[in-house]
Amino acid sequence: MNSDDGALWSRSLAGDGEAFGVLFDRHRDRVYRHAYRLAQNRPDAEDVSAAAFLELWRQRIRVRLVECSVLPWLLVTTTNCALNVRRSRRRYEALLKSLPHAPPAADPGDIFLSDNPFQGVDGPLASALRALKPVDLQLITLVVLEGYDLASAAGILGLGPEAAKTRLHRARHRLREHLPGLPAPRQLTLSEEG
C-alpha cells in the first residue's frame, strides 16, 4: 500500500488532482484519528485534519516521503497544526478574560415570557392591552406603536386589508373603553390604509 504513495505523489506533483484525492482518501482516517487524539473535540479535529492536507499541498515541493509514504509527514504536520490550534485557543481565551465584563443584560425572551410582558408600561394601559386578543395586540403594536402602515401590518399578520381595518377599529374601540381619557382616533386616509 505505501509503495503506491510514491507513484501517487509523483503524479500529484505533476498536477494530477485525482492522484492527490486518492492519497487523501487513503490517509484521511488516520490523520483524523491523530488530530482527534490531540484536539479532543470533533470540530477542532476536522479543522486540524483539513489544515494538514492543505499544508501537504502547499508545501508539496518540500514534502519528504518516508519509506514511500506521505503519512509520516502528514502525522507530523497534523501535530504541528494541532499545537497551533491550541495556542490560538489559549490566546483567544486569555483575550476574553482580559476584556472588561459588563453585568449580563436581561434576555428579551425572558422579559416577554415573564408574568408581566408589559413591563415599563403604565398600569391602566397594560391592563387595556392585556384585554385585547393576541392578533389585535399585534396589529395595535405594528400600526400604532411601531408606525407600520395598515397594509404592511395586515400582510405581516396574514390578514386581508379589510379584516385588518376592521380589527384595528375594534381594537382601538376596546382600548378607549378601558382608557376613557383617550381621544377619539382619527380616520385613516387611503394612503395609510395601503
N, C-alpha and C. Protein backbone atom coordinates (compact mmCIF):
# COMPACT_ATOMS: atom_id res chain seq x y z
N MET A 1 0.82 -1.18 0.00
CA MET A 1 0.00 0.00 0.00
C MET A 1 0.87 1.26 0.00
N ASN A 2 1.87 1.36 0.89
CA ASN A 2 2.71 2.54 0.95
C ASN A 2 3.56 2.72 -0.29
N SER A 3 3.90 1.63 -0.96
CA SER A 3 4.70 1.75 -2.18
C SER A 3 3.93 2.52 -3.24
N ASP A 4 2.62 2.48 -3.18
CA ASP A 4 1.81 3.23 -4.14
C ASP A 4 1.85 4.72 -3.86
N ASP A 5 2.14 5.15 -2.60
CA ASP A 5 2.19 6.58 -2.28
C ASP A 5 3.22 7.29 -3.15
N GLY A 6 4.35 6.67 -3.38
CA GLY A 6 5.40 7.31 -4.18
C GLY A 6 4.92 7.64 -5.58
N ALA A 7 4.28 6.69 -6.23
CA ALA A 7 3.77 6.93 -7.59
C ALA A 7 2.65 7.96 -7.56
N LEU A 8 1.76 7.84 -6.59
CA LEU A 8 0.67 8.81 -6.49
C LEU A 8 1.20 10.21 -6.20
N TRP A 9 2.23 10.28 -5.36
CA TRP A 9 2.80 11.58 -5.03
C TRP A 9 3.47 12.20 -6.25
N SER A 10 4.16 11.40 -7.02
CA SER A 10 4.79 11.91 -8.26
C SER A 10 3.73 12.45 -9.21
N ARG A 11 2.63 11.72 -9.34
CA ARG A 11 1.54 12.18 -10.20
C ARG A 11 0.91 13.46 -9.64
N SER A 12 0.80 13.54 -8.31
CA SER A 12 0.24 14.74 -7.68
C SER A 12 1.11 15.96 -7.96
N LEU A 13 2.43 15.77 -7.86
CA LEU A 13 3.35 16.87 -8.13
C LEU A 13 3.26 17.33 -9.58
N ALA A 14 2.86 16.43 -10.46
CA ALA A 14 2.71 16.78 -11.87
C ALA A 14 1.35 17.43 -12.14
N GLY A 15 0.54 17.63 -11.08
CA GLY A 15 -0.75 18.31 -11.24
C GLY A 15 -1.94 17.39 -11.34
N ASP A 16 -1.77 16.11 -11.04
CA ASP A 16 -2.87 15.15 -11.12
C ASP A 16 -3.69 15.22 -9.82
N GLY A 17 -4.81 15.94 -9.88
CA GLY A 17 -5.67 16.10 -8.71
C GLY A 17 -6.30 14.80 -8.26
N GLU A 18 -6.55 13.91 -9.20
CA GLU A 18 -7.14 12.61 -8.86
C GLU A 18 -6.17 11.79 -8.01
N ALA A 19 -4.89 11.84 -8.32
CA ALA A 19 -3.89 11.11 -7.54
C ALA A 19 -3.82 11.69 -6.13
N PHE A 20 -3.90 13.03 -6.00
CA PHE A 20 -3.91 13.64 -4.68
C PHE A 20 -5.16 13.22 -3.92
N GLY A 21 -6.28 13.12 -4.62
CA GLY A 21 -7.53 12.66 -3.99
C GLY A 21 -7.41 11.25 -3.45
N VAL A 22 -6.71 10.38 -4.18
CA VAL A 22 -6.52 9.00 -3.72
C VAL A 22 -5.66 9.01 -2.45
N LEU A 23 -4.62 9.85 -2.41
CA LEU A 23 -3.79 9.96 -1.21
C LEU A 23 -4.63 10.47 -0.03
N PHE A 24 -5.47 11.44 -0.30
CA PHE A 24 -6.34 11.97 0.75
C PHE A 24 -7.24 10.86 1.28
N ASP A 25 -7.91 10.15 0.38
CA ASP A 25 -8.82 9.07 0.80
C ASP A 25 -8.07 8.00 1.58
N ARG A 26 -6.88 7.73 1.18
CA ARG A 26 -6.09 6.67 1.81
C ARG A 26 -5.69 7.03 3.25
N HIS A 27 -5.38 8.29 3.51
CA HIS A 27 -4.80 8.65 4.80
C HIS A 27 -5.70 9.52 5.70
N ARG A 28 -6.85 9.94 5.20
CA ARG A 28 -7.67 10.89 5.98
C ARG A 28 -8.11 10.34 7.33
N ASP A 29 -8.48 9.04 7.38
CA ASP A 29 -8.95 8.49 8.65
C ASP A 29 -7.86 8.47 9.71
N ARG A 30 -6.65 8.06 9.31
CA ARG A 30 -5.56 8.03 10.29
C ARG A 30 -5.16 9.43 10.72
N VAL A 31 -5.17 10.37 9.78
CA VAL A 31 -4.84 11.75 10.12
C VAL A 31 -5.92 12.30 11.06
N TYR A 32 -7.18 12.01 10.77
CA TYR A 32 -8.27 12.50 11.63
C TYR A 32 -8.16 11.90 13.04
N ARG A 33 -7.90 10.59 13.13
CA ARG A 33 -7.76 9.97 14.46
C ARG A 33 -6.64 10.62 15.26
N HIS A 34 -5.53 10.90 14.60
CA HIS A 34 -4.40 11.54 15.27
C HIS A 34 -4.80 12.96 15.70
N ALA A 35 -5.48 13.68 14.82
CA ALA A 35 -5.92 15.04 15.15
C ALA A 35 -6.90 15.01 16.31
N TYR A 36 -7.78 14.02 16.34
CA TYR A 36 -8.76 13.93 17.42
C TYR A 36 -8.08 13.64 18.75
N ARG A 37 -7.07 12.77 18.73
CA ARG A 37 -6.33 12.49 19.96
C ARG A 37 -5.71 13.76 20.52
N LEU A 38 -5.24 14.63 19.63
CA LEU A 38 -4.58 15.85 20.07
C LEU A 38 -5.57 16.97 20.43
N ALA A 39 -6.61 17.12 19.63
CA ALA A 39 -7.56 18.22 19.83
C ALA A 39 -8.65 17.86 20.84
N GLN A 40 -9.03 16.62 20.88
CA GLN A 40 -10.03 16.07 21.80
C GLN A 40 -11.43 16.63 21.61
N ASN A 41 -11.70 17.17 20.44
CA ASN A 41 -13.07 17.51 20.08
C ASN A 41 -13.20 17.46 18.57
N ARG A 42 -14.36 17.13 18.13
CA ARG A 42 -14.59 16.88 16.71
C ARG A 42 -14.34 18.09 15.81
N PRO A 43 -14.91 19.27 16.14
CA PRO A 43 -14.68 20.40 15.23
C PRO A 43 -13.21 20.75 15.06
N ASP A 44 -12.45 20.77 16.16
CA ASP A 44 -11.03 21.09 16.04
C ASP A 44 -10.28 19.99 15.28
N ALA A 45 -10.66 18.74 15.52
CA ALA A 45 -10.00 17.64 14.80
C ALA A 45 -10.25 17.75 13.31
N GLU A 46 -11.47 18.14 12.93
CA GLU A 46 -11.76 18.31 11.50
C GLU A 46 -10.94 19.46 10.92
N ASP A 47 -10.84 20.56 11.67
CA ASP A 47 -10.05 21.70 11.20
C ASP A 47 -8.57 21.34 11.08
N VAL A 48 -8.06 20.63 12.07
CA VAL A 48 -6.65 20.24 12.06
C VAL A 48 -6.37 19.29 10.90
N SER A 49 -7.25 18.34 10.67
CA SER A 49 -7.06 17.40 9.54
C SER A 49 -7.05 18.15 8.22
N ALA A 50 -8.00 19.06 8.06
CA ALA A 50 -8.06 19.83 6.81
C ALA A 50 -6.80 20.67 6.65
N ALA A 51 -6.33 21.28 7.74
CA ALA A 51 -5.12 22.10 7.66
C ALA A 51 -3.90 21.25 7.29
N ALA A 52 -3.84 20.03 7.81
CA ALA A 52 -2.70 19.16 7.49
C ALA A 52 -2.66 18.83 6.00
N PHE A 53 -3.82 18.52 5.43
CA PHE A 53 -3.86 18.21 4.00
C PHE A 53 -3.62 19.45 3.15
N LEU A 54 -4.08 20.60 3.64
CA LEU A 54 -3.79 21.85 2.93
C LEU A 54 -2.29 22.10 2.92
N GLU A 55 -1.64 21.89 4.05
CA GLU A 55 -0.19 22.06 4.13
C GLU A 55 0.53 21.06 3.23
N LEU A 56 -0.01 19.85 3.15
CA LEU A 56 0.60 18.85 2.25
C LEU A 56 0.64 19.40 0.83
N TRP A 57 -0.46 20.05 0.43
CA TRP A 57 -0.49 20.59 -0.92
C TRP A 57 0.36 21.86 -1.03
N ARG A 58 0.25 22.75 -0.03
CA ARG A 58 1.01 24.00 -0.09
C ARG A 58 2.52 23.75 -0.07
N GLN A 59 2.95 22.78 0.70
CA GLN A 59 4.38 22.51 0.86
C GLN A 59 4.86 21.36 -0.02
N ARG A 60 4.09 21.03 -1.03
CA ARG A 60 4.36 19.81 -1.83
C ARG A 60 5.79 19.72 -2.36
N ILE A 61 6.42 20.83 -2.64
CA ILE A 61 7.79 20.80 -3.15
C ILE A 61 8.76 20.33 -2.06
N ARG A 62 8.45 20.64 -0.80
CA ARG A 62 9.34 20.32 0.32
C ARG A 62 9.00 19.01 1.02
N VAL A 63 7.90 18.39 0.66
CA VAL A 63 7.47 17.17 1.36
C VAL A 63 8.45 16.04 1.07
N ARG A 64 8.83 15.34 2.15
CA ARG A 64 9.72 14.18 2.00
C ARG A 64 8.94 12.93 2.37
N LEU A 65 8.95 11.98 1.47
CA LEU A 65 8.30 10.70 1.74
C LEU A 65 9.22 9.87 2.63
N VAL A 66 8.60 9.13 3.53
CA VAL A 66 9.35 8.21 4.38
C VAL A 66 8.90 6.82 4.00
N GLU A 67 9.84 6.03 3.53
CA GLU A 67 9.54 4.67 3.04
C GLU A 67 8.38 4.70 2.04
N CYS A 68 8.48 5.65 1.10
CA CYS A 68 7.49 5.82 0.02
C CYS A 68 6.09 6.14 0.53
N SER A 69 5.98 6.81 1.66
CA SER A 69 4.67 7.15 2.20
C SER A 69 4.66 8.62 2.63
N VAL A 70 3.51 9.30 2.37
CA VAL A 70 3.34 10.68 2.84
C VAL A 70 2.78 10.69 4.26
N LEU A 71 2.34 9.55 4.77
CA LEU A 71 1.69 9.52 6.08
C LEU A 71 2.57 10.05 7.20
N PRO A 72 3.83 9.69 7.31
CA PRO A 72 4.64 10.25 8.41
C PRO A 72 4.69 11.79 8.36
N TRP A 73 4.87 12.33 7.16
CA TRP A 73 4.89 13.78 7.01
C TRP A 73 3.55 14.36 7.45
N LEU A 74 2.47 13.73 7.05
CA LEU A 74 1.13 14.19 7.42
C LEU A 74 0.92 14.15 8.94
N LEU A 75 1.39 13.10 9.59
CA LEU A 75 1.19 12.98 11.04
C LEU A 75 1.97 14.05 11.80
N VAL A 76 3.19 14.33 11.36
CA VAL A 76 3.98 15.38 11.99
C VAL A 76 3.31 16.74 11.77
N THR A 77 2.84 16.96 10.56
CA THR A 77 2.16 18.22 10.24
C THR A 77 0.86 18.35 11.03
N THR A 78 0.15 17.24 11.20
CA THR A 78 -1.08 17.25 11.99
C THR A 78 -0.77 17.66 13.43
N THR A 79 0.31 17.15 13.98
CA THR A 79 0.72 17.52 15.33
C THR A 79 0.99 19.01 15.41
N ASN A 80 1.73 19.54 14.43
CA ASN A 80 2.04 20.97 14.43
C ASN A 80 0.77 21.82 14.30
N CYS A 81 -0.14 21.40 13.45
CA CYS A 81 -1.40 22.14 13.27
C CYS A 81 -2.23 22.11 14.55
N ALA A 82 -2.24 20.96 15.23
CA ALA A 82 -2.99 20.85 16.49
C ALA A 82 -2.39 21.76 17.55
N LEU A 83 -1.07 21.84 17.60
CA LEU A 83 -0.41 22.74 18.55
C LEU A 83 -0.75 24.20 18.24
N ASN A 84 -0.81 24.54 16.96
CA ASN A 84 -1.19 25.90 16.56
C ASN A 84 -2.62 26.22 17.00
N VAL A 85 -3.52 25.27 16.83
CA VAL A 85 -4.91 25.46 17.24
C VAL A 85 -4.97 25.67 18.75
N ARG A 86 -4.23 24.87 19.50
CA ARG A 86 -4.21 25.01 20.96
C ARG A 86 -3.70 26.38 21.38
N ARG A 87 -2.59 26.81 20.75
CA ARG A 87 -2.03 28.13 21.06
C ARG A 87 -3.04 29.23 20.74
N SER A 88 -3.69 29.12 19.61
CA SER A 88 -4.70 30.13 19.22
C SER A 88 -5.84 30.16 20.22
N ARG A 89 -6.29 28.99 20.65
CA ARG A 89 -7.39 28.93 21.61
C ARG A 89 -6.97 29.57 22.94
N ARG A 90 -5.75 29.27 23.39
CA ARG A 90 -5.27 29.86 24.65
C ARG A 90 -5.21 31.39 24.55
N ARG A 91 -4.69 31.90 23.41
CA ARG A 91 -4.62 33.36 23.24
C ARG A 91 -6.02 33.97 23.21
N TYR A 92 -6.93 33.30 22.54
CA TYR A 92 -8.31 33.79 22.44
C TYR A 92 -8.97 33.81 23.82
N GLU A 93 -8.80 32.74 24.58
CA GLU A 93 -9.39 32.69 25.92
C GLU A 93 -8.76 33.73 26.84
N ALA A 94 -7.45 33.95 26.71
CA ALA A 94 -6.78 34.97 27.52
C ALA A 94 -7.31 36.36 27.15
N LEU A 95 -7.54 36.59 25.88
CA LEU A 95 -8.10 37.86 25.44
C LEU A 95 -9.49 38.06 26.03
N LEU A 96 -10.32 37.03 25.96
CA LEU A 96 -11.67 37.15 26.51
C LEU A 96 -11.64 37.43 28.01
N LYS A 97 -10.72 36.78 28.73
CA LYS A 97 -10.63 37.01 30.17
C LYS A 97 -10.14 38.41 30.49
N SER A 98 -9.34 39.00 29.59
CA SER A 98 -8.79 40.33 29.86
C SER A 98 -9.78 41.44 29.56
N LEU A 99 -10.83 41.15 28.81
CA LEU A 99 -11.80 42.18 28.47
C LEU A 99 -12.67 42.52 29.67
N PRO A 100 -13.06 43.78 29.80
CA PRO A 100 -13.97 44.13 30.91
C PRO A 100 -15.33 43.48 30.67
N HIS A 101 -15.93 43.03 31.75
CA HIS A 101 -17.22 42.35 31.65
C HIS A 101 -18.31 43.23 32.24
N ALA A 102 -19.32 43.49 31.44
CA ALA A 102 -20.50 44.23 31.91
C ALA A 102 -21.44 43.23 32.57
N PRO A 103 -22.30 43.71 33.43
CA PRO A 103 -23.28 42.79 34.00
C PRO A 103 -24.15 42.24 32.88
N PRO A 104 -24.58 41.00 33.00
CA PRO A 104 -25.37 40.41 31.92
C PRO A 104 -26.68 41.16 31.75
N ALA A 105 -27.04 41.37 30.49
CA ALA A 105 -28.30 42.05 30.17
C ALA A 105 -29.44 41.05 30.29
N ALA A 106 -30.60 41.57 30.59
CA ALA A 106 -31.78 40.71 30.67
C ALA A 106 -32.10 40.17 29.28
N ASP A 107 -32.45 38.93 29.23
CA ASP A 107 -32.82 38.29 27.97
C ASP A 107 -34.21 38.78 27.58
N PRO A 108 -34.35 39.38 26.38
CA PRO A 108 -35.67 39.87 25.97
C PRO A 108 -36.73 38.77 25.97
N GLY A 109 -36.32 37.55 25.68
CA GLY A 109 -37.26 36.43 25.72
C GLY A 109 -37.79 36.20 27.11
N ASP A 110 -36.92 36.34 28.11
CA ASP A 110 -37.37 36.17 29.50
C ASP A 110 -38.36 37.26 29.89
N ILE A 111 -38.07 38.48 29.44
CA ILE A 111 -38.98 39.58 29.74
C ILE A 111 -40.33 39.34 29.08
N PHE A 112 -40.29 38.92 27.81
CA PHE A 112 -41.53 38.69 27.08
C PHE A 112 -42.34 37.57 27.69
N LEU A 113 -41.64 36.51 28.14
CA LEU A 113 -42.35 35.35 28.67
C LEU A 113 -42.62 35.46 30.17
N SER A 114 -42.20 36.56 30.78
CA SER A 114 -42.42 36.71 32.22
C SER A 114 -43.90 36.93 32.49
N ASP A 115 -44.24 36.96 33.76
CA ASP A 115 -45.64 37.18 34.15
C ASP A 115 -46.14 38.55 33.68
N ASN A 116 -45.23 39.50 33.50
CA ASN A 116 -45.64 40.84 33.10
C ASN A 116 -44.93 41.24 31.81
N PRO A 117 -45.47 40.85 30.66
CA PRO A 117 -44.81 41.21 29.40
C PRO A 117 -44.93 42.71 29.10
N PHE A 118 -45.74 43.44 29.88
CA PHE A 118 -45.92 44.87 29.65
C PHE A 118 -45.08 45.68 30.62
N GLN A 119 -43.90 45.14 30.96
CA GLN A 119 -43.01 45.84 31.86
C GLN A 119 -42.68 47.21 31.28
N GLY A 120 -42.73 48.24 32.11
CA GLY A 120 -42.42 49.58 31.65
C GLY A 120 -43.63 50.32 31.10
N VAL A 121 -44.77 49.67 30.98
CA VAL A 121 -45.99 50.30 30.50
C VAL A 121 -46.83 50.61 31.72
N ASP A 122 -47.44 51.81 31.75
CA ASP A 122 -48.21 52.17 32.93
C ASP A 122 -49.38 51.20 33.13
N GLY A 123 -49.83 51.08 34.37
CA GLY A 123 -50.83 50.08 34.76
C GLY A 123 -52.10 50.07 33.94
N PRO A 124 -52.80 51.20 33.78
CA PRO A 124 -54.05 51.18 33.02
C PRO A 124 -53.85 50.77 31.56
N LEU A 125 -52.78 51.27 30.94
CA LEU A 125 -52.53 50.90 29.54
C LEU A 125 -52.18 49.41 29.43
N ALA A 126 -51.36 48.91 30.35
CA ALA A 126 -51.02 47.48 30.34
C ALA A 126 -52.27 46.64 30.50
N SER A 127 -53.16 47.06 31.38
CA SER A 127 -54.41 46.33 31.59
C SER A 127 -55.26 46.34 30.32
N ALA A 128 -55.34 47.49 29.67
CA ALA A 128 -56.12 47.59 28.43
C ALA A 128 -55.51 46.73 27.33
N LEU A 129 -54.18 46.72 27.23
CA LEU A 129 -53.52 45.90 26.20
C LEU A 129 -53.73 44.42 26.47
N ARG A 130 -53.70 44.02 27.75
CA ARG A 130 -53.93 42.61 28.10
C ARG A 130 -55.32 42.14 27.69
N ALA A 131 -56.26 43.06 27.66
CA ALA A 131 -57.65 42.69 27.34
C ALA A 131 -57.83 42.40 25.85
N LEU A 132 -56.88 42.79 25.02
CA LEU A 132 -57.01 42.57 23.58
C LEU A 132 -56.70 41.13 23.21
N LYS A 133 -57.30 40.67 22.13
CA LYS A 133 -56.94 39.36 21.56
C LYS A 133 -55.51 39.47 21.03
N PRO A 134 -54.77 38.36 21.01
CA PRO A 134 -53.37 38.43 20.57
C PRO A 134 -53.18 39.08 19.19
N VAL A 135 -54.01 38.73 18.23
CA VAL A 135 -53.84 39.29 16.89
C VAL A 135 -54.13 40.80 16.90
N ASP A 136 -55.09 41.22 17.74
CA ASP A 136 -55.39 42.65 17.83
C ASP A 136 -54.24 43.39 18.50
N LEU A 137 -53.64 42.79 19.52
CA LEU A 137 -52.49 43.38 20.17
C LEU A 137 -51.33 43.52 19.18
N GLN A 138 -51.12 42.49 18.37
CA GLN A 138 -50.05 42.56 17.36
C GLN A 138 -50.34 43.67 16.35
N LEU A 139 -51.60 43.80 15.94
CA LEU A 139 -51.98 44.83 14.98
C LEU A 139 -51.78 46.23 15.58
N ILE A 140 -52.21 46.43 16.82
CA ILE A 140 -52.01 47.71 17.51
C ILE A 140 -50.51 48.01 17.62
N THR A 141 -49.75 46.99 17.99
CA THR A 141 -48.31 47.18 18.13
C THR A 141 -47.68 47.63 16.82
N LEU A 142 -48.02 46.95 15.72
CA LEU A 142 -47.41 47.28 14.44
C LEU A 142 -47.84 48.64 13.91
N VAL A 143 -49.15 48.93 13.96
CA VAL A 143 -49.66 50.16 13.34
C VAL A 143 -49.50 51.36 14.25
N VAL A 144 -49.96 51.24 15.50
CA VAL A 144 -49.99 52.40 16.38
C VAL A 144 -48.63 52.65 17.03
N LEU A 145 -48.02 51.61 17.56
CA LEU A 145 -46.77 51.81 18.31
C LEU A 145 -45.53 51.85 17.42
N GLU A 146 -45.51 51.02 16.37
CA GLU A 146 -44.31 50.93 15.53
C GLU A 146 -44.42 51.71 14.23
N GLY A 147 -45.60 52.21 13.88
CA GLY A 147 -45.74 53.08 12.72
C GLY A 147 -45.83 52.40 11.37
N TYR A 148 -46.09 51.10 11.32
CA TYR A 148 -46.28 50.43 10.03
C TYR A 148 -47.61 50.87 9.44
N ASP A 149 -47.70 50.93 8.10
CA ASP A 149 -48.99 51.23 7.51
C ASP A 149 -49.87 49.99 7.63
N LEU A 150 -51.15 50.19 7.52
CA LEU A 150 -52.12 49.12 7.77
C LEU A 150 -51.93 47.96 6.79
N ALA A 151 -51.65 48.26 5.52
CA ALA A 151 -51.48 47.20 4.53
C ALA A 151 -50.27 46.32 4.87
N SER A 152 -49.17 46.94 5.30
CA SER A 152 -47.98 46.16 5.68
C SER A 152 -48.26 45.30 6.90
N ALA A 153 -48.91 45.89 7.89
CA ALA A 153 -49.23 45.14 9.11
C ALA A 153 -50.15 43.97 8.78
N ALA A 154 -51.12 44.21 7.90
CA ALA A 154 -52.03 43.13 7.50
C ALA A 154 -51.25 42.00 6.84
N GLY A 155 -50.32 42.36 5.96
CA GLY A 155 -49.51 41.33 5.30
C GLY A 155 -48.66 40.54 6.27
N ILE A 156 -48.06 41.24 7.23
CA ILE A 156 -47.22 40.58 8.24
C ILE A 156 -48.04 39.58 9.05
N LEU A 157 -49.27 39.96 9.38
CA LEU A 157 -50.12 39.12 10.23
C LEU A 157 -50.97 38.14 9.45
N GLY A 158 -50.89 38.19 8.12
CA GLY A 158 -51.66 37.25 7.31
C GLY A 158 -53.14 37.60 7.27
N LEU A 159 -53.46 38.87 7.38
CA LEU A 159 -54.85 39.33 7.33
C LEU A 159 -55.11 40.03 6.01
N GLY A 160 -56.36 39.99 5.57
CA GLY A 160 -56.74 40.79 4.42
C GLY A 160 -56.83 42.24 4.84
N PRO A 161 -56.72 43.18 3.90
CA PRO A 161 -56.75 44.60 4.25
C PRO A 161 -58.04 45.01 4.96
N GLU A 162 -59.17 44.52 4.49
CA GLU A 162 -60.44 44.90 5.12
C GLU A 162 -60.55 44.31 6.53
N ALA A 163 -60.12 43.06 6.69
CA ALA A 163 -60.15 42.42 8.01
C ALA A 163 -59.24 43.17 8.98
N ALA A 164 -58.07 43.59 8.49
CA ALA A 164 -57.14 44.33 9.35
C ALA A 164 -57.74 45.67 9.76
N LYS A 165 -58.39 46.35 8.80
CA LYS A 165 -59.01 47.65 9.09
C LYS A 165 -60.10 47.49 10.15
N THR A 166 -60.92 46.46 10.01
CA THR A 166 -62.00 46.19 10.96
C THR A 166 -61.43 45.86 12.34
N ARG A 167 -60.44 44.97 12.38
CA ARG A 167 -59.84 44.56 13.65
C ARG A 167 -59.18 45.76 14.35
N LEU A 168 -58.51 46.60 13.58
CA LEU A 168 -57.85 47.76 14.17
C LEU A 168 -58.90 48.71 14.76
N HIS A 169 -59.98 48.93 14.03
CA HIS A 169 -61.05 49.80 14.52
C HIS A 169 -61.62 49.25 15.83
N ARG A 170 -61.89 47.94 15.86
CA ARG A 170 -62.46 47.33 17.07
C ARG A 170 -61.46 47.35 18.23
N ALA A 171 -60.19 47.12 17.94
CA ALA A 171 -59.17 47.13 18.99
C ALA A 171 -59.05 48.53 19.59
N ARG A 172 -59.06 49.55 18.75
CA ARG A 172 -59.00 50.92 19.25
C ARG A 172 -60.22 51.23 20.11
N HIS A 173 -61.38 50.75 19.67
CA HIS A 173 -62.61 50.96 20.43
C HIS A 173 -62.50 50.31 21.82
N ARG A 174 -61.98 49.07 21.87
CA ARG A 174 -61.81 48.38 23.16
C ARG A 174 -60.82 49.11 24.06
N LEU A 175 -59.75 49.64 23.46
CA LEU A 175 -58.78 50.40 24.25
C LEU A 175 -59.44 51.66 24.83
N ARG A 176 -60.27 52.35 24.04
CA ARG A 176 -60.96 53.54 24.53
C ARG A 176 -61.91 53.20 25.67
N GLU A 177 -62.52 52.01 25.60
CA GLU A 177 -63.42 51.59 26.69
C GLU A 177 -62.64 51.42 27.99
N HIS A 178 -61.40 50.88 27.90
CA HIS A 178 -60.57 50.67 29.09
C HIS A 178 -59.86 51.94 29.54
N LEU A 179 -59.68 52.86 28.61
CA LEU A 179 -58.96 54.10 28.91
C LEU A 179 -59.83 55.28 28.47
N PRO A 180 -60.79 55.66 29.27
CA PRO A 180 -61.75 56.68 28.85
C PRO A 180 -61.13 58.02 28.48
N GLY A 181 -59.94 58.32 28.94
CA GLY A 181 -59.32 59.62 28.64
C GLY A 181 -58.70 59.70 27.26
N LEU A 182 -58.69 58.60 26.49
CA LEU A 182 -58.07 58.63 25.16
C LEU A 182 -58.90 59.46 24.20
N PRO A 183 -58.25 60.25 23.33
CA PRO A 183 -59.01 60.97 22.32
C PRO A 183 -59.54 59.99 21.27
N ALA A 184 -60.56 60.38 20.58
CA ALA A 184 -61.11 59.54 19.51
C ALA A 184 -60.07 59.39 18.42
N PRO A 185 -59.96 58.20 17.81
CA PRO A 185 -58.94 58.00 16.78
C PRO A 185 -59.29 58.79 15.53
N ARG A 186 -58.28 59.27 14.83
CA ARG A 186 -58.51 59.95 13.58
C ARG A 186 -58.79 58.90 12.50
N GLN A 187 -59.46 59.28 11.48
CA GLN A 187 -59.76 58.35 10.39
C GLN A 187 -58.48 58.14 9.55
N LEU A 188 -58.26 56.90 9.14
CA LEU A 188 -57.12 56.60 8.27
C LEU A 188 -57.43 57.06 6.86
N THR A 189 -56.43 57.63 6.21
CA THR A 189 -56.60 58.00 4.79
C THR A 189 -56.31 56.79 3.94
N LEU A 190 -56.68 56.85 2.68
CA LEU A 190 -56.45 55.72 1.78
C LEU A 190 -54.98 55.38 1.68
N SER A 191 -54.09 56.40 1.69
CA SER A 191 -52.65 56.11 1.57
C SER A 191 -52.14 55.38 2.81
N GLU A 192 -52.72 55.67 3.99
CA GLU A 192 -52.29 54.99 5.20
C GLU A 192 -52.84 53.57 5.24
N GLU A 193 -53.99 53.36 4.61
CA GLU A 193 -54.59 52.03 4.61
C GLU A 193 -53.82 51.09 3.73
N GLY A 194 -53.06 51.56 2.81
CA GLY A 194 -52.23 50.71 1.99
C GLY A 194 -52.67 50.77 0.60
